[in-house]
Amino acid sequence: MNLKLKICGMKYRDNILDVIKYRPDYLGFIFYPGSPRYAGDSMEELSTLDIPPSIKKTGVFVNESTDKIKQVALSITLDTVQLH
C-alpha cells in the first residue's frame, strides 16, 4: 500500500514552514470564506513561500466558480484542486 499524507488548513507562514519539514505529500489551503482556516487573505504571502516541488499545493474549494478556481490556482501555482 502506498499511503499519501495531506495536511490541510494551512494558513499561517510559520505553521507552513514547520509542517514542510515533515515532507507531507500535499498541503491543503482552504479557499472557502466561511472557514476559520480561510487562506484567501494570505494568497500573496502564500505565493512567495518556498515549498519544495515534492509537496503538492492543494486548493480546497466549496461551491466555487470555475473562473475563481482557475484564478486562485494560477496566482499561487496550485498543483491540485479539491472540490466540495
Protein backbone atom coordinates (compact mmCIF):
# COMPACT_ATOMS: atom_id res chain seq x y z
CA MET A 1 0.00 0.00 0.00
CA ASN A 2 1.26 3.46 -0.91
CA LEU A 3 -0.26 5.95 1.53
CA LYS A 4 -0.19 9.69 0.87
CA LEU A 5 -0.33 12.36 3.57
CA LYS A 6 -2.22 15.63 3.14
CA ILE A 7 -2.16 18.26 5.86
CA CYS A 8 -4.99 20.71 5.41
CA GLY A 9 -5.96 24.09 6.76
CA MET A 10 -2.63 25.74 6.12
CA LYS A 11 -2.90 29.47 6.67
CA TYR A 12 -0.02 30.87 8.70
CA ARG A 13 3.51 31.18 7.33
CA ASP A 14 5.31 29.91 10.44
CA ASN A 15 2.98 26.91 10.68
CA ILE A 16 3.51 26.08 7.00
CA LEU A 17 7.29 26.29 7.36
CA ASP A 18 7.15 23.95 10.38
CA VAL A 19 4.91 21.45 8.57
CA ILE A 20 7.01 21.24 5.39
CA LYS A 21 9.92 19.95 7.46
CA TYR A 22 7.95 16.69 7.76
CA ARG A 23 7.59 16.41 3.96
CA PRO A 24 3.89 15.63 3.60
CA ASP A 25 2.74 14.73 0.09
CA TYR A 26 0.16 17.53 -0.01
CA LEU A 27 -0.52 20.81 1.75
CA GLY A 28 -4.15 21.93 1.72
CA PHE A 29 -5.15 25.59 1.54
CA ILE A 30 -8.83 26.35 2.12
CA PHE A 31 -10.40 28.93 -0.17
CA TYR A 32 -13.85 28.94 1.35
CA PRO A 33 -14.51 32.31 3.03
CA GLY A 34 -16.80 30.69 5.61
CA SER A 35 -13.94 28.65 7.06
CA PRO A 36 -11.90 29.89 10.03
CA ARG A 37 -8.89 28.47 8.15
CA TYR A 38 -9.63 30.53 5.03
CA ALA A 39 -6.31 31.13 3.27
CA GLY A 40 -7.60 33.65 0.73
CA ASP A 41 -6.45 36.61 2.82
CA SER A 42 -2.91 35.20 2.74
CA MET A 43 -2.66 34.49 -1.01
CA GLU A 44 0.12 37.00 -1.69
CA GLU A 45 2.22 35.60 1.15
CA LEU A 46 1.47 32.01 0.12
CA SER A 47 2.75 32.68 -3.39
CA THR A 48 6.17 33.64 -2.00
CA LEU A 49 6.68 30.54 0.17
CA ASP A 50 9.44 28.19 -0.86
CA ILE A 51 7.50 24.93 -0.75
CA PRO A 52 9.52 22.03 -2.20
CA PRO A 53 8.10 20.75 -5.51
CA SER A 54 7.67 17.28 -3.99
CA ILE A 55 4.93 18.74 -1.75
CA LYS A 56 1.84 19.39 -3.86
CA LYS A 57 -0.11 22.54 -3.04
CA THR A 58 -3.82 21.73 -2.95
CA GLY A 59 -6.57 24.33 -3.06
CA VAL A 60 -9.78 23.33 -1.31
CA PHE A 61 -12.90 25.00 -2.73
CA VAL A 62 -16.58 24.83 -1.72
CA ASN A 63 -19.19 25.52 -4.41
CA GLU A 64 -16.86 27.93 -6.21
CA SER A 65 -16.98 29.02 -9.84
CA THR A 66 -14.56 27.54 -12.34
CA ASP A 67 -13.21 31.01 -13.13
CA LYS A 68 -12.43 31.74 -9.48
CA ILE A 69 -10.74 28.35 -9.04
CA LYS A 70 -8.58 28.98 -12.11
CA GLN A 71 -7.68 32.48 -10.92
CA VAL A 72 -6.56 31.25 -7.49
CA ALA A 73 -4.78 28.21 -8.94
CA LEU A 74 -2.73 30.37 -11.29
CA SER A 75 -1.97 33.10 -8.77
CA ILE A 76 -0.34 30.76 -6.24
CA THR A 77 0.56 27.91 -8.59
CA LEU A 78 -1.61 25.18 -7.13
CA ASP A 79 -0.73 21.62 -8.12
CA THR A 80 -4.10 20.09 -7.31
CA VAL A 81 -7.64 21.16 -6.52
CA GLN A 82 -10.10 19.56 -4.13
CA LEU A 83 -13.79 20.33 -4.62
CA HIS A 84 -16.62 20.21 -2.08
